[in-house]
Amino acid sequence: MKDTGENAVAKWLVIAGRQISQYLGQQLAGLGLTASQYYYILKIHDNPGLTIE
């Protein structure tokens, strides 16, 4: 079965997302951070006073 239309776009977006996440992980490794932690840091930066709750 051939991927066409929306399925093809979704497939390529997933692939691109994985590649970006891997690259980000490599760049952050020197700081002892993961890609997941990076997104939390962005949220904290964008929302001063944010608590764990």
PDB file of N, CA and C in Angstrom:
ATOM      1  N   MET A   1       0.849  -1.191   0.000  1.00  0.00           N
ATOM      2  CA  MET A   1       0.000   0.000   0.000  1.00  0.00           C
ATOM      3  C   MET A   1       0.889   1.248   0.000  1.00  0.00           C
ATOM      4  N   LYS A   2       0.600   2.139  -0.888  1.00  0.00           N
ATOM      5  CA  LYS A   2       1.377   3.356  -1.047  1.00  0.00           C
ATOM      6  C   LYS A   2       0.869   4.449  -0.106  1.00  0.00           C
ATOM      7  N   ASP A   3       1.833   5.197   0.511  1.00  0.00           N
ATOM      8  CA  ASP A   3       1.448   6.337   1.340  1.00  0.00           C
ATOM      9  C   ASP A   3       1.208   7.543   0.445  1.00  0.00           C
ATOM     10  N   THR A   4       0.007   8.089   0.512  1.00  0.00           N
ATOM     11  CA  THR A   4      -0.301   9.283  -0.268  1.00  0.00           C
ATOM     12  C   THR A   4      -1.052  10.270   0.610  1.00  0.00           C
ATOM     13  N   GLY A   5      -1.069  11.485   0.192  1.00  0.00           N
ATOM     14  CA  GLY A   5      -1.860  12.499   0.867  1.00  0.00           C
ATOM     15  C   GLY A   5      -1.470  12.721   2.309  1.00  0.00           C
ATOM     16  N   GLU A   6      -2.486  12.787   3.161  1.00  0.00           N
ATOM     17  CA  GLU A   6      -2.277  13.093   4.572  1.00  0.00           C
ATOM     18  C   GLU A   6      -1.417  12.057   5.279  1.00  0.00           C
ATOM     19  N   ASN A   7      -1.560  10.777   4.926  1.00  0.00           N
ATOM     20  CA  ASN A   7      -0.751   9.742   5.556  1.00  0.00           C
ATOM     21  C   ASN A   7       0.733   9.956   5.290  1.00  0.00           C
ATOM     22  N   ALA A   8       1.069  10.355   4.072  1.00  0.00           N
ATOM     23  CA  ALA A   8       2.462  10.592   3.712  1.00  0.00           C
ATOM     24  C   ALA A   8       3.008  11.790   4.487  1.00  0.00           C
ATOM     25  N   VAL A   9       2.227  12.835   4.594  1.00  0.00           N
ATOM     26  CA  VAL A   9       2.654  14.032   5.329  1.00  0.00           C
ATOM     27  C   VAL A   9       2.866  13.687   6.796  1.00  0.00           C
ATOM     28  N   ALA A  10       1.944  12.965   7.390  1.00  0.00           N
ATOM     29  CA  ALA A  10       2.072  12.575   8.793  1.00  0.00           C
ATOM     30  C   ALA A  10       3.315  11.725   9.008  1.00  0.00           C
ATOM     31  N   LYS A  11       3.567  10.810   8.104  1.00  0.00           N
ATOM     32  CA  LYS A  11       4.745   9.938   8.199  1.00  0.00           C
ATOM     33  C   LYS A  11       6.024  10.769   8.193  1.00  0.00           C
ATOM     34  N   TRP A  12       6.129  11.720   7.274  1.00  0.00           N
ATOM     35  CA  TRP A  12       7.336  12.533   7.177  1.00  0.00           C
ATOM     36  C   TRP A  12       7.483  13.487   8.355  1.00  0.00           C
ATOM     37  N   LEU A  13       6.370  13.945   8.903  1.00  0.00           N
ATOM     38  CA  LEU A  13       6.448  14.794  10.097  1.00  0.00           C
ATOM     39  C   LEU A  13       6.969  14.010  11.297  1.00  0.00           C
ATOM     40  N   VAL A  14       6.551  12.759  11.433  1.00  0.00           N
ATOM     41  CA  VAL A  14       7.048  11.904  12.514  1.00  0.00           C
ATOM     42  C   VAL A  14       8.548  11.675  12.345  1.00  0.00           C
ATOM     43  N   ILE A  15       8.970  11.378  11.133  1.00  0.00           N
ATOM     44  CA  ILE A  15      10.390  11.149  10.862  1.00  0.00           C
ATOM     45  C   ILE A  15      11.206  12.404  11.175  1.00  0.00           C
ATOM     46  N   ALA A  16      10.723  13.553  10.731  1.00  0.00           N
ATOM     47  CA  ALA A  16      11.425  14.815  10.990  1.00  0.00           C
ATOM     48  C   ALA A  16      11.496  15.101  12.481  1.00  0.00           C
ATOM     49  N   GLY A  17      10.412  14.849  13.189  1.00  0.00           N
ATOM     50  CA  GLY A  17      10.393  15.063  14.636  1.00  0.00           C
ATOM     51  C   GLY A  17      11.407  14.204  15.361  1.00  0.00           C
ATOM     52  N   ARG A  18      11.528  12.958  14.941  1.00  0.00           N
ATOM     53  CA  ARG A  18      12.521  12.057  15.546  1.00  0.00           C
ATOM     54  C   ARG A  18      13.939  12.546  15.280  1.00  0.00           C
ATOM     55  N   GLN A  19      14.190  12.993  14.068  1.00  0.00           N
ATOM     56  CA  GLN A  19      15.521  13.491  13.718  1.00  0.00           C
ATOM     57  C   GLN A  19      15.876  14.726  14.537  1.00  0.00           C
ATOM     58  N   ILE A  20      14.934  15.620  14.684  1.00  0.00           N
ATOM     59  CA  ILE A  20      15.171  16.838  15.468  1.00  0.00           C
ATOM     60  C   ILE A  20      15.421  16.487  16.923  1.00  0.00           C
ATOM     61  N   SER A  21      14.653  15.569  17.466  1.00  0.00           N
ATOM     62  CA  SER A  21      14.824  15.157  18.854  1.00  0.00           C
ATOM     63  C   SER A  21      16.193  14.516  19.075  1.00  0.00           C
ATOM     64  N   GLN A  22      16.633  13.689  18.136  1.00  0.00           N
ATOM     65  CA  GLN A  22      17.957  13.066  18.243  1.00  0.00           C
ATOM     66  C   GLN A  22      19.054  14.126  18.187  1.00  0.00           C
ATOM     67  N   TYR A  23      18.935  15.052  17.284  1.00  0.00           N
ATOM     68  CA  TYR A  23      19.927  16.125  17.167  1.00  0.00           C
ATOM     69  C   TYR A  23      19.972  16.962  18.438  1.00  0.00           C
ATOM     70  N   LEU A  24      18.808  17.327  18.942  1.00  0.00           N
ATOM     71  CA  LEU A  24      18.732  18.113  20.166  1.00  0.00           C
ATOM     72  C   LEU A  24      19.379  17.348  21.320  1.00  0.00           C
ATOM     73  N   GLY A  25      19.093  16.057  21.411  1.00  0.00           N
ATOM     74  CA  GLY A  25      19.690  15.236  22.454  1.00  0.00           C
ATOM     75  C   GLY A  25      21.204  15.225  22.382  1.00  0.00           C
ATOM     76  N   GLN A  26      21.740  15.143  21.181  1.00  0.00           N
ATOM     77  CA  GLN A  26      23.191  15.163  21.007  1.00  0.00           C
ATOM     78  C   GLN A  26      23.777  16.505  21.435  1.00  0.00           C
ATOM     79  N   GLN A  27      23.099  17.581  21.092  1.00  0.00           N
ATOM     80  CA  GLN A  27      23.591  18.915  21.438  1.00  0.00           C
ATOM     81  C   GLN A  27      23.537  19.182  22.943  1.00  0.00           C
ATOM     82  N   LEU A  28      22.543  18.617  23.613  1.00  0.00           N
ATOM     83  CA  LEU A  28      22.367  18.857  25.044  1.00  0.00           C
ATOM     84  C   LEU A  28      23.166  17.896  25.922  1.00  0.00           C
ATOM     85  N   ALA A  29      23.657  16.817  25.332  1.00  0.00           N
ATOM     86  CA  ALA A  29      24.368  15.791  26.112  1.00  0.00           C
ATOM     87  C   ALA A  29      25.557  16.380  26.868  1.00  0.00           C
ATOM     88  N   GLY A  30      26.247  17.305  26.266  1.00  0.00           N
ATOM     89  CA  GLY A  30      27.396  17.944  26.920  1.00  0.00           C
ATOM     90  C   GLY A  30      27.020  18.722  28.166  1.00  0.00           C
ATOM     91  N   LEU A  31      25.770  19.117  28.264  1.00  0.00           N
ATOM     92  CA  LEU A  31      25.277  19.850  29.434  1.00  0.00           C
ATOM     93  C   LEU A  31      24.647  18.916  30.461  1.00  0.00           C
ATOM     94  N   GLY A  32      24.601  17.620  30.134  1.00  0.00           N
ATOM     95  CA  GLY A  32      23.970  16.652  31.027  1.00  0.00           C
ATOM     96  C   GLY A  32      22.455  16.719  30.987  1.00  0.00           C
ATOM     97  N   LEU A  33      21.911  17.214  29.873  1.00  0.00           N
ATOM     98  CA  LEU A  33      20.465  17.342  29.723  1.00  0.00           C
ATOM     99  C   LEU A  33      19.957  16.436  28.607  1.00  0.00           C
ATOM    100  N   THR A  34      18.671  16.116  28.666  1.00  0.00           N
ATOM    101  CA  THR A  34      18.019  15.358  27.599  1.00  0.00           C
ATOM    102  C   THR A  34      17.063  16.286  26.855  1.00  0.00           C
ATOM    103  N   ALA A  35      16.593  15.823  25.711  1.00  0.00           N
ATOM    104  CA  ALA A  35      15.635  16.609  24.938  1.00  0.00           C
ATOM    105  C   ALA A  35      14.355  16.838  25.742  1.00  0.00           C
ATOM    106  N   SER A  36      13.916  15.844  26.505  1.00  0.00           N
ATOM    107  CA  SER A  36      12.710  15.993  27.330  1.00  0.00           C
ATOM    108  C   SER A  36      12.891  17.083  28.379  1.00  0.00           C
ATOM    109  N   GLN A  37      14.042  17.102  29.014  1.00  0.00           N
ATOM    110  CA  GLN A  37      14.305  18.122  30.028  1.00  0.00           C
ATOM    111  C   GLN A  37      14.336  19.509  29.407  1.00  0.00           C
ATOM    112  N   TYR A  38      14.811  19.604  28.198  1.00  0.00           N
ATOM    113  CA  TYR A  38      14.882  20.881  27.493  1.00  0.00           C
ATOM    114  C   TYR A  38      13.500  21.519  27.383  1.00  0.00           C
ATOM    115  N   TYR A  39      12.504  20.717  27.048  1.00  0.00           N
ATOM    116  CA  TYR A  39      11.156  21.253  26.897  1.00  0.00           C
ATOM    117  C   TYR A  39      10.600  21.756  28.228  1.00  0.00           C
ATOM    118  N   TYR A  40      10.942  21.091  29.320  1.00  0.00           N
ATOM    119  CA  TYR A  40      10.528  21.577  30.637  1.00  0.00           C
ATOM    120  C   TYR A  40      11.206  22.902  30.963  1.00  0.00           C
ATOM    121  N   ILE A  41      12.473  23.002  30.617  1.00  0.00           N
ATOM    122  CA  ILE A  41      13.196  24.253  30.855  1.00  0.00           C
ATOM    123  C   ILE A  41      12.561  25.393  30.065  1.00  0.00           C
ATOM    124  N   LEU A  42      12.161  25.128  28.833  1.00  0.00           N
ATOM    125  CA  LEU A  42      11.478  26.159  28.043  1.00  0.00           C
ATOM    126  C   LEU A  42      10.175  26.599  28.705  1.00  0.00           C
ATOM    127  N   LYS A  43       9.402  25.630  29.222  1.00  0.00           N
ATOM    128  CA  LYS A  43       8.139  25.967  29.891  1.00  0.00           C
ATOM    129  C   LYS A  43       8.386  26.828  31.121  1.00  0.00           C
ATOM    130  N   ILE A  44       9.407  26.469  31.894  1.00  0.00           N
ATOM    131  CA  ILE A  44       9.741  27.252  33.089  1.00  0.00           C
ATOM    132  C   ILE A  44      10.168  28.661  32.684  1.00  0.00           C
ATOM    133  N   HIS A  45      10.951  28.762  31.637  1.00  0.00           N
ATOM    134  CA  HIS A  45      11.399  30.068  31.156  1.00  0.00           C
ATOM    135  C   HIS A  45      10.216  30.933  30.715  1.00  0.00           C
ATOM    136  N   ASP A  46       9.283  30.324  30.003  1.00  0.00           N
ATOM    137  CA  ASP A  46       8.137  31.068  29.475  1.00  0.00           C
ATOM    138  C   ASP A  46       7.074  31.378  30.523  1.00  0.00           C
ATOM    139  N   ASN A  47       7.142  30.707  31.674  1.00  0.00           N
ATOM    140  CA  ASN A  47       6.138  30.879  32.733  1.00  0.00           C
ATOM    141  C   ASN A  47       6.818  31.091  34.081  1.00  0.00           C
ATOM    142  N   PRO A  48       7.385  32.280  34.313  1.00  0.00           N
ATOM    143  CA  PRO A  48       8.065  32.536  35.583  1.00  0.00           C
ATOM    144  C   PRO A  48       7.129  32.259  36.764  1.00  0.00           C
ATOM    145  N   GLY A  49       7.683  31.672  37.805  1.00  0.00           N
ATOM    146  CA  GLY A  49       6.886  31.350  38.981  1.00  0.00           C
ATOM    147  C   GLY A  49       6.200  29.999  38.893  1.00  0.00           C
ATOM    148  N   LEU A  50       6.399  29.284  37.792  1.00  0.00           N
ATOM    149  CA  LEU A  50       5.808  27.963  37.621  1.00  0.00           C
ATOM    150  C   LEU A  50       6.318  27.032  38.703  1.00  0.00           C
ATOM    151  N   THR A  51       5.407  26.267  39.309  1.00  0.00           N
ATOM    152  CA  THR A  51       5.806  25.319  40.356  1.00  0.00           C
ATOM    153  C   THR A  51       5.581  23.899  39.872  1.00  0.00           C
ATOM    154  N   ILE A  52       6.053  22.944  40.634  1.00  0.00           N
ATOM    155  CA  ILE A  52       5.922  21.546  40.278  1.00  0.00           C
ATOM    156  C   ILE A  52       4.453  21.098  40.284  1.00  0.00           C
ATOM    157  N   GLU A  53       3.636  21.752  41.058  1.00  0.00           N
ATOM    158  CA  GLU A  53       2.206  21.427  41.057  1.00  0.00           C
ATOM    159  C   GLU A  53       1.594  21.901  39.786  1.00  0.00           C
TER     160      GLU A  53
END
